[in-house]
């Protein structure tokens, strides 16, 4: 799994990197066929009162790219909410991949004769 964590208008500290890694463990525990993960952490400097922290993830799995973004006043809260969304989408993708069709039980032809 290739992992890229980058920051836009902020420096990605080792603590922030470790926090993202621990949160990503939950997603990779559900679905181990993850090829590539790109995490972008952004600080949008609007007005002083309206500073928003934004987290985005692009998860490349076999056959599909999953993109999730979340904004919040606190970056750690944005990462938490982002990983919740990502976890739900990964589980939904995994359910779609699994074959839910079961073969009907075959009739006992010998008993009818």
PDB file of N, CA and C in Angstrom:
ATOM      1  N   UNK A   1       0.852  -1.180   0.000  1.00  0.00           N
ATOM      2  CA  UNK A   1       0.000   0.000   0.000  1.00  0.00           C
ATOM      3  C   UNK A   1       0.891   1.234   0.000  1.00  0.00           C
ATOM      4  N   UNK A   2       0.675   2.104  -0.979  1.00  0.00           N
ATOM      5  CA  UNK A   2       1.389   3.365  -1.045  1.00  0.00           C
ATOM      6  C   UNK A   2       0.593   4.415  -0.284  1.00  0.00           C
ATOM      7  N   UNK A   3       1.266   5.144   0.593  1.00  0.00           N
ATOM      8  CA  UNK A   3       0.602   6.147   1.419  1.00  0.00           C
ATOM      9  C   UNK A   3       1.302   7.476   1.246  1.00  0.00           C
ATOM     10  N   UNK A   4       0.535   8.517   0.930  1.00  0.00           N
ATOM     11  CA  UNK A   4       1.057   9.865   0.807  1.00  0.00           C
ATOM     12  C   UNK A   4       0.231  10.776   1.697  1.00  0.00           C
ATOM     13  N   UNK A   5       0.894  11.444   2.639  1.00  0.00           N
ATOM     14  CA  UNK A   5       0.224  12.417   3.505  1.00  0.00           C
ATOM     15  C   UNK A   5       0.884  13.760   3.234  1.00  0.00           C
ATOM     16  N   UNK A   6       0.094  14.715   2.761  1.00  0.00           N
ATOM     17  CA  UNK A   6       0.651  16.029   2.460  1.00  0.00           C
ATOM     18  C   UNK A   6      -0.214  17.119   3.077  1.00  0.00           C
ATOM     19  N   UNK A   7       0.392  18.285   3.239  1.00  0.00           N
ATOM     20  CA  UNK A   7      -0.308  19.411   3.836  1.00  0.00           C
ATOM     21  C   UNK A   7      -0.295  20.602   2.901  1.00  0.00           C
ATOM     22  N   UNK A   8      -1.369  21.353   2.925  1.00  0.00           N
ATOM     23  CA  UNK A   8      -1.481  22.567   2.128  1.00  0.00           C
ATOM     24  C   UNK A   8      -1.704  23.720   3.097  1.00  0.00           C
ATOM     25  N   UNK A   9      -0.782  24.638   3.165  1.00  0.00           N
ATOM     26  CA  UNK A   9      -0.771  25.745   4.119  1.00  0.00           C
ATOM     27  C   UNK A   9      -0.560  25.278   5.552  1.00  0.00           C
ATOM     28  N   UNK A  10      -0.010  24.090   5.748  1.00  0.00           N
ATOM     29  CA  UNK A  10       0.369  23.636   7.075  1.00  0.00           C
ATOM     30  C   UNK A  10       1.440  22.568   6.943  1.00  0.00           C
ATOM     31  N   UNK A  11       2.203  22.425   7.999  1.00  0.00           N
ATOM     32  CA  UNK A  11       3.247  21.406   8.031  1.00  0.00           C
ATOM     33  C   UNK A  11       2.693  20.154   8.692  1.00  0.00           C
ATOM     34  N   UNK A  12       2.920  19.012   8.062  1.00  0.00           N
ATOM     35  CA  UNK A  12       2.440  17.749   8.609  1.00  0.00           C
ATOM     36  C   UNK A  12       3.445  17.301   9.675  1.00  0.00           C
ATOM     37  N   UNK A  13       3.045  17.436  10.930  1.00  0.00           N
ATOM     38  CA  UNK A  13       3.927  17.075  12.042  1.00  0.00           C
ATOM     39  C   UNK A  13       3.922  15.561  12.224  1.00  0.00           C
ATOM     40  N   UNK A  14       4.932  15.014  12.895  1.00  0.00           N
ATOM     41  CA  UNK A  14       4.927  13.564  13.157  1.00  0.00           C
ATOM     42  C   UNK A  14       3.697  13.114  13.952  1.00  0.00           C
ATOM     43  N   UNK A  15       3.224  13.944  14.869  1.00  0.00           N
ATOM     44  CA  UNK A  15       2.025  13.595  15.644  1.00  0.00           C
ATOM     45  C   UNK A  15       0.794  13.517  14.737  1.00  0.00           C
ATOM     46  N   UNK A  16       0.687  14.463  13.820  1.00  0.00           N
ATOM     47  CA  UNK A  16      -0.441  14.468  12.887  1.00  0.00           C
ATOM     48  C   UNK A  16      -0.368  13.265  11.953  1.00  0.00           C
ATOM     49  N   UNK A  17       0.837  12.943  11.491  1.00  0.00           N
ATOM     50  CA  UNK A  17       1.041  11.783  10.618  1.00  0.00           C
ATOM     51  C   UNK A  17       0.662  10.493  11.345  1.00  0.00           C
ATOM     52  N   UNK A  18       1.064  10.368  12.597  1.00  0.00           N
ATOM     53  CA  UNK A  18       0.756   9.176  13.387  1.00  0.00           C
ATOM     54  C   UNK A  18      -0.743   9.050  13.627  1.00  0.00           C
ATOM     55  N   UNK A  19      -1.416  10.191  13.850  1.00  0.00           N
ATOM     56  CA  UNK A  19      -2.861  10.185  14.071  1.00  0.00           C
ATOM     57  C   UNK A  19      -3.595   9.689  12.831  1.00  0.00           C
ATOM     58  N   UNK A  20      -3.176  10.157  11.655  1.00  0.00           N
ATOM     59  CA  UNK A  20      -3.804   9.717  10.406  1.00  0.00           C
ATOM     60  C   UNK A  20      -3.555   8.225  10.188  1.00  0.00           C
ATOM     61  N   UNK A  21      -2.332   7.772  10.492  1.00  0.00           N
ATOM     62  CA  UNK A  21      -2.013   6.349  10.316  1.00  0.00           C
ATOM     63  C   UNK A  21      -2.859   5.456  11.219  1.00  0.00           C
ATOM     64  N   UNK A  22      -3.051   5.864  12.472  1.00  0.00           N
ATOM     65  CA  UNK A  22      -3.861   5.044  13.376  1.00  0.00           C
ATOM     66  C   UNK A  22      -5.314   5.005  12.924  1.00  0.00           C
ATOM     67  N   UNK A  23      -5.808   6.103  12.383  1.00  0.00           N
ATOM     68  CA  UNK A  23      -7.186   6.119  11.885  1.00  0.00           C
ATOM     69  C   UNK A  23      -7.335   5.293  10.608  1.00  0.00           C
ATOM     70  N   UNK A  24      -6.309   5.277   9.771  1.00  0.00           N
ATOM     71  CA  UNK A  24      -6.367   4.487   8.539  1.00  0.00           C
ATOM     72  C   UNK A  24      -6.310   2.992   8.811  1.00  0.00           C
ATOM     73  N   UNK A  25      -5.759   2.606   9.959  1.00  0.00           N
ATOM     74  CA  UNK A  25      -5.704   1.182  10.306  1.00  0.00           C
ATOM     75  C   UNK A  25      -7.086   0.560  10.346  1.00  0.00           C
ATOM     76  N   UNK A  26      -8.067   1.330  10.802  1.00  0.00           N
ATOM     77  CA  UNK A  26      -9.428   0.810  10.889  1.00  0.00           C
ATOM     78  C   UNK A  26      -9.973   0.492   9.497  1.00  0.00           C
ATOM     79  N   UNK A  27      -9.666   1.359   8.535  1.00  0.00           N
ATOM     80  CA  UNK A  27     -10.152   1.148   7.167  1.00  0.00           C
ATOM     81  C   UNK A  27      -9.459  -0.055   6.534  1.00  0.00           C
ATOM     82  N   UNK A  28      -8.150  -0.150   6.701  1.00  0.00           N
ATOM     83  CA  UNK A  28      -7.421  -1.262   6.090  1.00  0.00           C
ATOM     84  C   UNK A  28      -7.720  -2.586   6.784  1.00  0.00           C
ATOM     85  N   UNK A  29      -8.221  -2.533   8.004  1.00  0.00           N
ATOM     86  CA  UNK A  29      -8.616  -3.765   8.689  1.00  0.00           C
ATOM     87  C   UNK A  29      -9.865  -4.349   8.040  1.00  0.00           C
ATOM     88  N   UNK A  30     -10.777  -3.471   7.578  1.00  0.00           N
ATOM     89  CA  UNK A  30     -11.990  -3.941   6.909  1.00  0.00           C
ATOM     90  C   UNK A  30     -11.713  -4.461   5.503  1.00  0.00           C
ATOM     91  N   UNK A  31     -10.773  -3.825   4.818  1.00  0.00           N
ATOM     92  CA  UNK A  31     -10.577  -4.121   3.403  1.00  0.00           C
ATOM     93  C   UNK A  31      -9.085  -4.063   3.121  1.00  0.00           C
ATOM     94  N   UNK A  32      -8.489  -5.208   2.809  1.00  0.00           N
ATOM     95  CA  UNK A  32      -7.036  -5.265   2.669  1.00  0.00           C
ATOM     96  C   UNK A  32      -6.560  -5.091   1.230  1.00  0.00           C
ATOM     97  N   UNK A  33      -7.444  -4.854   0.281  1.00  0.00           N
ATOM     98  CA  UNK A  33      -7.050  -4.714  -1.116  1.00  0.00           C
ATOM     99  C   UNK A  33      -6.847  -3.251  -1.508  1.00  0.00           C
ATOM    100  N   UNK A  34      -6.320  -2.438  -0.593  1.00  0.00           N
ATOM    101  CA  UNK A  34      -6.072  -1.030  -0.857  1.00  0.00           C
ATOM    102  C   UNK A  34      -4.739  -0.909  -1.595  1.00  0.00           C
ATOM    103  N   UNK A  35      -4.748  -0.226  -2.731  1.00  0.00           N
ATOM    104  CA  UNK A  35      -3.541  -0.078  -3.542  1.00  0.00           C
ATOM    105  C   UNK A  35      -2.801   1.200  -3.168  1.00  0.00           C
ATOM    106  N   UNK A  36      -3.526   2.312  -3.065  1.00  0.00           N
ATOM    107  CA  UNK A  36      -2.900   3.616  -2.926  1.00  0.00           C
ATOM    108  C   UNK A  36      -3.789   4.512  -2.060  1.00  0.00           C
ATOM    109  N   UNK A  37      -3.162   5.303  -1.177  1.00  0.00           N
ATOM    110  CA  UNK A  37      -3.898   6.234  -0.330  1.00  0.00           C
ATOM    111  C   UNK A  37      -3.201   7.592  -0.406  1.00  0.00           C
ATOM    112  N   UNK A  38      -3.974   8.626  -0.748  1.00  0.00           N
ATOM    113  CA  UNK A  38      -3.475   9.998  -0.742  1.00  0.00           C
ATOM    114  C   UNK A  38      -4.292  10.800   0.260  1.00  0.00           C
ATOM    115  N   UNK A  39      -3.618  11.400   1.247  1.00  0.00           N
ATOM    116  CA  UNK A  39      -4.283  12.212   2.264  1.00  0.00           C
ATOM    117  C   UNK A  39      -3.787  13.638   2.099  1.00  0.00           C
ATOM    118  N   UNK A  40      -4.710  14.591   2.013  1.00  0.00           N
ATOM    119  CA  UNK A  40      -4.359  15.998   1.899  1.00  0.00           C
ATOM    120  C   UNK A  40      -5.024  16.750   3.041  1.00  0.00           C
ATOM    121  N   UNK A  41      -4.209  17.397   3.863  1.00  0.00           N
ATOM    122  CA  UNK A  41      -4.694  18.195   4.992  1.00  0.00           C
ATOM    123  C   UNK A  41      -4.502  19.663   4.642  1.00  0.00           C
ATOM    124  N   UNK A  42      -5.567  20.454   4.764  1.00  0.00           N
ATOM    125  CA  UNK A  42      -5.546  21.843   4.304  1.00  0.00           C
ATOM    126  C   UNK A  42      -6.064  22.765   5.390  1.00  0.00           C
ATOM    127  N   UNK A  43      -5.439  23.932   5.481  1.00  0.00           N
ATOM    128  CA  UNK A  43      -5.965  25.024   6.310  1.00  0.00           C
ATOM    129  C   UNK A  43      -6.403  26.114   5.362  1.00  0.00           C
ATOM    130  N   UNK A  44      -7.699  26.416   5.380  1.00  0.00           N
ATOM    131  CA  UNK A  44      -8.223  27.491   4.541  1.00  0.00           C
ATOM    132  C   UNK A  44      -8.234  28.759   5.366  1.00  0.00           C
ATOM    133  N   UNK A  45      -7.454  29.723   4.955  1.00  0.00           N
ATOM    134  CA  UNK A  45      -7.349  30.973   5.709  1.00  0.00           C
ATOM    135  C   UNK A  45      -8.331  31.976   5.125  1.00  0.00           C
ATOM    136  N   UNK A  46      -9.553  31.917   5.601  1.00  0.00           N
ATOM    137  CA  UNK A  46     -10.565  32.870   5.158  1.00  0.00           C
ATOM    138  C   UNK A  46     -10.476  34.087   6.070  1.00  0.00           C
ATOM    139  N   UNK A  47     -11.474  34.341   6.846  1.00  0.00           N
ATOM    140  CA  UNK A  47     -11.392  35.371   7.870  1.00  0.00           C
ATOM    141  C   UNK A  47     -10.855  34.731   9.141  1.00  0.00           C
ATOM    142  N   UNK A  48     -10.416  35.538  10.059  1.00  0.00           N
ATOM    143  CA  UNK A  48      -9.808  35.010  11.282  1.00  0.00           C
ATOM    144  C   UNK A  48     -10.801  34.167  12.084  1.00  0.00           C
ATOM    145  N   UNK A  49     -12.065  34.558  12.083  1.00  0.00           N
ATOM    146  CA  UNK A  49     -13.066  33.811  12.848  1.00  0.00           C
ATOM    147  C   UNK A  49     -13.497  32.539  12.126  1.00  0.00           C
ATOM    148  N   UNK A  50     -13.317  32.490  10.807  1.00  0.00           N
ATOM    149  CA  UNK A  50     -13.850  31.380  10.021  1.00  0.00           C
ATOM    150  C   UNK A  50     -12.749  30.468   9.485  1.00  0.00           C
ATOM    151  N   UNK A  51     -11.692  30.268  10.220  1.00  0.00           N
ATOM    152  CA  UNK A  51     -10.624  29.380   9.744  1.00  0.00           C
ATOM    153  C   UNK A  51     -11.138  27.952   9.727  1.00  0.00           C
ATOM    154  N   UNK A  52     -11.071  27.343   8.563  1.00  0.00           N
ATOM    155  CA  UNK A  52     -11.551  25.967   8.438  1.00  0.00           C
ATOM    156  C   UNK A  52     -10.388  25.037   8.152  1.00  0.00           C
ATOM    157  N   UNK A  53     -10.431  23.891   8.769  1.00  0.00           N
ATOM    158  CA  UNK A  53      -9.454  22.838   8.527  1.00  0.00           C
ATOM    159  C   UNK A  53     -10.152  21.791   7.668  1.00  0.00           C
ATOM    160  N   UNK A  54      -9.481  21.360   6.616  1.00  0.00           N
ATOM    161  CA  UNK A  54     -10.111  20.407   5.706  1.00  0.00           C
ATOM    162  C   UNK A  54      -9.198  19.203   5.518  1.00  0.00           C
ATOM    163  N   UNK A  55      -9.793  18.027   5.482  1.00  0.00           N
ATOM    164  CA  UNK A  55      -9.055  16.787   5.246  1.00  0.00           C
ATOM    165  C   UNK A  55      -9.705  16.071   4.069  1.00  0.00           C
ATOM    166  N   UNK A  56      -8.865  15.565   3.158  1.00  0.00           N
ATOM    167  CA  UNK A  56      -9.348  14.836   1.987  1.00  0.00           C
ATOM    168  C   UNK A  56      -8.574  13.538   1.863  1.00  0.00           C
ATOM    169  N   UNK A  57      -9.251  12.493   1.409  1.00  0.00           N
ATOM    170  CA  UNK A  57      -8.603  11.207   1.164  1.00  0.00           C
ATOM    171  C   UNK A  57      -9.060  10.687  -0.188  1.00  0.00           C
ATOM    172  N   UNK A  58      -8.096  10.242  -0.978  1.00  0.00           N
ATOM    173  CA  UNK A  58      -8.390   9.497  -2.200  1.00  0.00           C
ATOM    174  C   UNK A  58      -7.832   8.103  -2.001  1.00  0.00           C
ATOM    175  N   UNK A  59      -8.713   7.130  -1.979  1.00  0.00           N
ATOM    176  CA  UNK A  59      -8.348   5.735  -1.734  1.00  0.00           C
ATOM    177  C   UNK A  59      -8.512   4.969  -3.033  1.00  0.00           C
ATOM    178  N   UNK A  60      -7.440   4.404  -3.538  1.00  0.00           N
ATOM    179  CA  UNK A  60      -7.497   3.629  -4.781  1.00  0.00           C
ATOM    180  C   UNK A  60      -7.533   2.152  -4.424  1.00  0.00           C
ATOM    181  N   UNK A  61      -8.653   1.518  -4.712  1.00  0.00           N
ATOM    182  CA  UNK A  61      -8.782   0.076  -4.527  1.00  0.00           C
ATOM    183  C   UNK A  61      -8.928  -0.537  -5.910  1.00  0.00           C
ATOM    184  N   UNK A  62      -8.865  -1.834  -5.972  1.00  0.00           N
ATOM    185  CA  UNK A  62      -8.934  -2.525  -7.257  1.00  0.00           C
ATOM    186  C   UNK A  62     -10.274  -2.220  -7.925  1.00  0.00           C
ATOM    187  N   UNK A  63     -10.212  -1.515  -9.036  1.00  0.00           N
ATOM    188  CA  UNK A  63     -11.414  -1.242  -9.802  1.00  0.00           C
ATOM    189  C   UNK A  63     -12.142   0.039  -9.461  1.00  0.00           C
ATOM    190  N   UNK A  64     -11.690   0.803  -8.469  1.00  0.00           N
ATOM    191  CA  UNK A  64     -12.449   1.989  -8.084  1.00  0.00           C
ATOM    192  C   UNK A  64     -11.584   2.946  -7.287  1.00  0.00           C
ATOM    193  N   UNK A  65     -11.870   4.231  -7.410  1.00  0.00           N
ATOM    194  CA  UNK A  65     -11.278   5.257  -6.562  1.00  0.00           C
ATOM    195  C   UNK A  65     -12.369   5.783  -5.648  1.00  0.00           C
ATOM    196  N   UNK A  66     -12.058   5.901  -4.377  1.00  0.00           N
ATOM    197  CA  UNK A  66     -13.007   6.417  -3.395  1.00  0.00           C
ATOM    198  C   UNK A  66     -12.458   7.742  -2.894  1.00  0.00           C
ATOM    199  N   UNK A  67     -13.233   8.820  -3.031  1.00  0.00           N
ATOM    200  CA  UNK A  67     -12.807  10.148  -2.602  1.00  0.00           C
ATOM    201  C   UNK A  67     -13.740  10.639  -1.508  1.00  0.00           C
ATOM    202  N   UNK A  68     -13.155  11.118  -0.411  1.00  0.00           N
ATOM    203  CA  UNK A  68     -13.938  11.630   0.716  1.00  0.00           C
ATOM    204  C   UNK A  68     -13.271  12.910   1.188  1.00  0.00           C
ATOM    205  N   UNK A  69     -14.077  13.914   1.530  1.00  0.00           N
ATOM    206  CA  UNK A  69     -13.530  15.133   2.118  1.00  0.00           C
ATOM    207  C   UNK A  69     -14.415  15.575   3.267  1.00  0.00           C
ATOM    208  N   UNK A  70     -13.797  16.273   4.220  1.00  0.00           N
ATOM    209  CA  UNK A  70     -14.523  16.726   5.401  1.00  0.00           C
ATOM    210  C   UNK A  70     -13.858  17.995   5.917  1.00  0.00           C
ATOM    211  N   UNK A  71     -14.652  18.974   6.305  1.00  0.00           N
ATOM    212  CA  UNK A  71     -14.124  20.217   6.853  1.00  0.00           C
ATOM    213  C   UNK A  71     -14.676  20.424   8.256  1.00  0.00           C
ATOM    214  N   UNK A  72     -13.847  21.017   9.121  1.00  0.00           N
ATOM    215  CA  UNK A  72     -14.234  21.288  10.507  1.00  0.00           C
ATOM    216  C   UNK A  72     -13.328  22.376  11.046  1.00  0.00           C
ATOM    217  N   UNK A  73     -13.705  22.960  12.176  1.00  0.00           N
ATOM    218  CA  UNK A  73     -12.858  23.982  12.795  1.00  0.00           C
ATOM    219  C   UNK A  73     -11.576  23.372  13.347  1.00  0.00           C
ATOM    220  N   UNK A  74     -11.651  22.128  13.821  1.00  0.00           N
ATOM    221  CA  UNK A  74     -10.510  21.418  14.384  1.00  0.00           C
ATOM    222  C   UNK A  74     -10.066  20.346  13.401  1.00  0.00           C
ATOM    223  N   UNK A  75      -8.775  20.293  13.101  1.00  0.00           N
ATOM    224  CA  UNK A  75      -8.265  19.342  12.108  1.00  0.00           C
ATOM    225  C   UNK A  75      -8.433  17.901  12.566  1.00  0.00           C
ATOM    226  N   UNK A  76      -8.222  17.648  13.846  1.00  0.00           N
ATOM    227  CA  UNK A  76      -8.378  16.278  14.363  1.00  0.00           C
ATOM    228  C   UNK A  76      -9.830  15.818  14.271  1.00  0.00           C
ATOM    229  N   UNK A  77     -10.768  16.718  14.527  1.00  0.00           N
ATOM    230  CA  UNK A  77     -12.187  16.372  14.380  1.00  0.00           C
ATOM    231  C   UNK A  77     -12.525  16.120  12.909  1.00  0.00           C
ATOM    232  N   UNK A  78     -11.928  16.902  12.016  1.00  0.00           N
ATOM    233  CA  UNK A  78     -12.154  16.693  10.581  1.00  0.00           C
ATOM    234  C   UNK A  78     -11.623  15.333  10.155  1.00  0.00           C
ATOM    235  N   UNK A  79     -10.460  14.935  10.688  1.00  0.00           N
ATOM    236  CA  UNK A  79      -9.888  13.621  10.350  1.00  0.00           C
ATOM    237  C   UNK A  79     -10.780  12.507  10.885  1.00  0.00           C
ATOM    238  N   UNK A  80     -11.301  12.671  12.112  1.00  0.00           N
ATOM    239  CA  UNK A  80     -12.198  11.659  12.682  1.00  0.00           C
ATOM    240  C   UNK A  80     -13.438  11.468  11.812  1.00  0.00           C
ATOM    241  N   UNK A  81     -14.081  12.572  11.460  1.00  0.00           N
ATOM    242  CA  UNK A  81     -15.297  12.484  10.647  1.00  0.00           C
ATOM    243  C   UNK A  81     -14.987  11.939   9.257  1.00  0.00           C
ATOM    244  N   UNK A  82     -13.829  12.299   8.718  1.00  0.00           N
ATOM    245  CA  UNK A  82     -13.411  11.813   7.414  1.00  0.00           C
ATOM    246  C   UNK A  82     -13.234  10.306   7.421  1.00  0.00           C
ATOM    247  N   UNK A  83     -12.585   9.781   8.450  1.00  0.00           N
ATOM    248  CA  UNK A  83     -12.348   8.339   8.510  1.00  0.00           C
ATOM    249  C   UNK A  83     -13.652   7.571   8.722  1.00  0.00           C
ATOM    250  N   UNK A  84     -14.621   8.177   9.434  1.00  0.00           N
ATOM    251  CA  UNK A  84     -15.932   7.538   9.573  1.00  0.00           C
ATOM    252  C   UNK A  84     -16.613   7.406   8.205  1.00  0.00           C
ATOM    253  N   UNK A  85     -16.576   8.489   7.431  1.00  0.00           N
ATOM    254  CA  UNK A  85     -17.168   8.447   6.092  1.00  0.00           C
ATOM    255  C   UNK A  85     -16.455   7.432   5.203  1.00  0.00           C
ATOM    256  N   UNK A  86     -15.127   7.462   5.262  1.00  0.00           N
ATOM    257  CA  UNK A  86     -14.340   6.557   4.428  1.00  0.00           C
ATOM    258  C   UNK A  86     -14.600   5.107   4.796  1.00  0.00           C
ATOM    259  N   UNK A  87     -14.720   4.842   6.088  1.00  0.00           N
ATOM    260  CA  UNK A  87     -14.987   3.482   6.548  1.00  0.00           C
ATOM    261  C   UNK A  87     -16.324   2.987   6.013  1.00  0.00           C
ATOM    262  N   UNK A  88     -17.343   3.830   6.051  1.00  0.00           N
ATOM    263  CA  UNK A  88     -18.656   3.432   5.530  1.00  0.00           C
ATOM    264  C   UNK A  88     -18.592   3.151   4.038  1.00  0.00           C
ATOM    265  N   UNK A  89     -17.870   3.978   3.294  1.00  0.00           N
ATOM    266  CA  UNK A  89     -17.795   3.767   1.851  1.00  0.00           C
ATOM    267  C   UNK A  89     -17.002   2.519   1.499  1.00  0.00           C
ATOM    268  N   UNK A  90     -15.946   2.247   2.253  1.00  0.00           N
ATOM    269  CA  UNK A  90     -15.138   1.053   1.990  1.00  0.00           C
ATOM    270  C   UNK A  90     -15.950  -0.205   2.287  1.00  0.00           C
ATOM    271  N   UNK A  91     -16.702  -0.207   3.385  1.00  0.00           N
ATOM    272  CA  UNK A  91     -17.537  -1.364   3.716  1.00  0.00           C
ATOM    273  C   UNK A  91     -18.615  -1.557   2.653  1.00  0.00           C
ATOM    274  N   UNK A  92     -19.190  -0.451   2.166  1.00  0.00           N
ATOM    275  CA  UNK A  92     -20.206  -0.559   1.116  1.00  0.00           C
ATOM    276  C   UNK A  92     -19.593  -1.108  -0.175  1.00  0.00           C
ATOM    277  N   UNK A  93     -18.389  -0.649  -0.501  1.00  0.00           N
ATOM    278  CA  UNK A  93     -17.696  -1.163  -1.692  1.00  0.00           C
ATOM    279  C   UNK A  93     -17.385  -2.650  -1.547  1.00  0.00           C
ATOM    280  N   UNK A  94     -16.978  -3.049  -0.358  1.00  0.00           N
ATOM    281  CA  UNK A  94     -16.664  -4.463  -0.109  1.00  0.00           C
ATOM    282  C   UNK A  94     -17.917  -5.324  -0.245  1.00  0.00           C
ATOM    283  N   UNK A  95     -19.049  -4.821   0.252  1.00  0.00           N
ATOM    284  CA  UNK A  95     -20.305  -5.566   0.130  1.00  0.00           C
ATOM    285  C   UNK A  95     -20.722  -5.716  -1.322  1.00  0.00           C
ATOM    286  N   UNK A  96     -20.469  -4.700  -2.131  1.00  0.00           N
ATOM    287  CA  UNK A  96     -20.829  -4.789  -3.547  1.00  0.00           C
ATOM    288  C   UNK A  96     -19.963  -5.812  -4.272  1.00  0.00           C
ATOM    289  N   UNK A  97     -18.722  -5.956  -3.838  1.00  0.00           N
ATOM    290  CA  UNK A  97     -17.835  -6.911  -4.492  1.00  0.00           C
ATOM    291  C   UNK A  97     -18.201  -8.355  -4.188  1.00  0.00           C
ATOM    292  N   UNK A  98     -18.709  -8.599  -2.984  1.00  0.00           N
ATOM    293  CA  UNK A  98     -19.031  -9.970  -2.598  1.00  0.00           C
ATOM    294  C   UNK A  98     -20.279 -10.435  -3.333  1.00  0.00           C
ATOM    295  N   UNK A  99     -20.282 -11.681  -3.709  1.00  0.00           N
ATOM    296  CA  UNK A  99     -21.420 -12.249  -4.403  1.00  0.00           C
ATOM    297  C   UNK A  99     -22.462 -12.666  -3.379  1.00  0.00           C
ATOM    298  N   UNK A 100     -23.624 -12.025  -3.418  1.00  0.00           N
ATOM    299  CA  UNK A 100     -24.675 -12.331  -2.459  1.00  0.00           C
ATOM    300  C   UNK A 100     -25.712 -13.299  -3.014  1.00  0.00           C
ATOM    301  N   UNK A 101     -25.514 -13.765  -4.240  1.00  0.00           N
ATOM    302  CA  UNK A 101     -26.475 -14.689  -4.835  1.00  0.00           C
ATOM    303  C   UNK A 101     -26.119 -16.116  -4.432  1.00  0.00           C
ATOM    304  N   UNK A 102     -27.095 -16.798  -3.913  1.00  0.00           N
ATOM    305  CA  UNK A 102     -26.897 -18.188  -3.505  1.00  0.00           C
ATOM    306  C   UNK A 102     -27.640 -19.091  -4.484  1.00  0.00           C
ATOM    307  N   UNK A 103     -27.058 -20.224  -4.736  1.00  0.00           N
ATOM    308  CA  UNK A 103     -27.741 -21.175  -5.610  1.00  0.00           C
ATOM    309  C   UNK A 103     -28.908 -21.782  -4.854  1.00  0.00           C
ATOM    310  N   UNK A 104     -30.006 -21.959  -5.574  1.00  0.00           N
ATOM    311  CA  UNK A 104     -31.161 -22.570  -4.934  1.00  0.00           C
ATOM    312  C   UNK A 104     -30.882 -24.057  -4.719  1.00  0.00           C
ATOM    313  N   UNK A 105     -31.431 -24.610  -3.672  1.00  0.00           N
ATOM    314  CA  UNK A 105     -31.177 -26.042  -3.432  1.00  0.00           C
ATOM    315  C   UNK A 105     -31.713 -26.874  -4.591  1.00  0.00           C
ATOM    316  N   UNK A 106     -30.940 -27.806  -5.015  1.00  0.00           N
ATOM    317  CA  UNK A 106     -31.346 -28.635  -6.158  1.00  0.00           C
ATOM    318  C   UNK A 106     -32.409 -29.619  -5.699  1.00  0.00           C
ATOM    319  N   UNK A 107     -33.341 -29.842  -6.577  1.00  0.00           N
ATOM    320  CA  UNK A 107     -34.443 -30.737  -6.234  1.00  0.00           C
ATOM    321  C   UNK A 107     -33.951 -32.180  -6.236  1.00  0.00           C
ATOM    322  N   UNK A 108     -34.509 -32.918  -5.358  1.00  0.00           N
ATOM    323  CA  UNK A 108     -34.165 -34.328  -5.270  1.00  0.00           C
ATOM    324  C   UNK A 108     -35.019 -35.080  -6.284  1.00  0.00           C
ATOM    325  N   UNK A 109     -34.439 -35.357  -7.429  1.00  0.00           N
ATOM    326  CA  UNK A 109     -35.166 -36.020  -8.508  1.00  0.00           C
ATOM    327  C   UNK A 109     -35.428 -37.477  -8.175  1.00  0.00           C
ATOM    328  N   UNK A 110     -34.516 -38.113  -7.432  1.00  0.00           N
ATOM    329  CA  UNK A 110     -34.650 -39.547  -7.110  1.00  0.00           C
ATOM    330  C   UNK A 110     -35.858 -39.785  -6.216  1.00  0.00           C
ATOM    331  N   UNK A 111     -36.190 -38.858  -5.325  1.00  0.00           N
ATOM    332  CA  UNK A 111     -37.319 -39.031  -4.425  1.00  0.00           C
ATOM    333  C   UNK A 111     -38.658 -38.907  -5.135  1.00  0.00           C
ATOM    334  N   UNK A 112     -38.698 -38.142  -6.238  1.00  0.00           N
ATOM    335  CA  UNK A 112     -39.957 -37.919  -6.961  1.00  0.00           C
ATOM    336  C   UNK A 112     -40.292 -39.125  -7.854  1.00  0.00           C
ATOM    337  N   UNK A 113     -39.328 -39.909  -8.225  1.00  0.00           N
ATOM    338  CA  UNK A 113     -39.592 -41.000  -9.165  1.00  0.00           C
ATOM    339  C   UNK A 113     -40.188 -42.203  -8.530  1.00  0.00           C
TER     340      UNK A 113
END
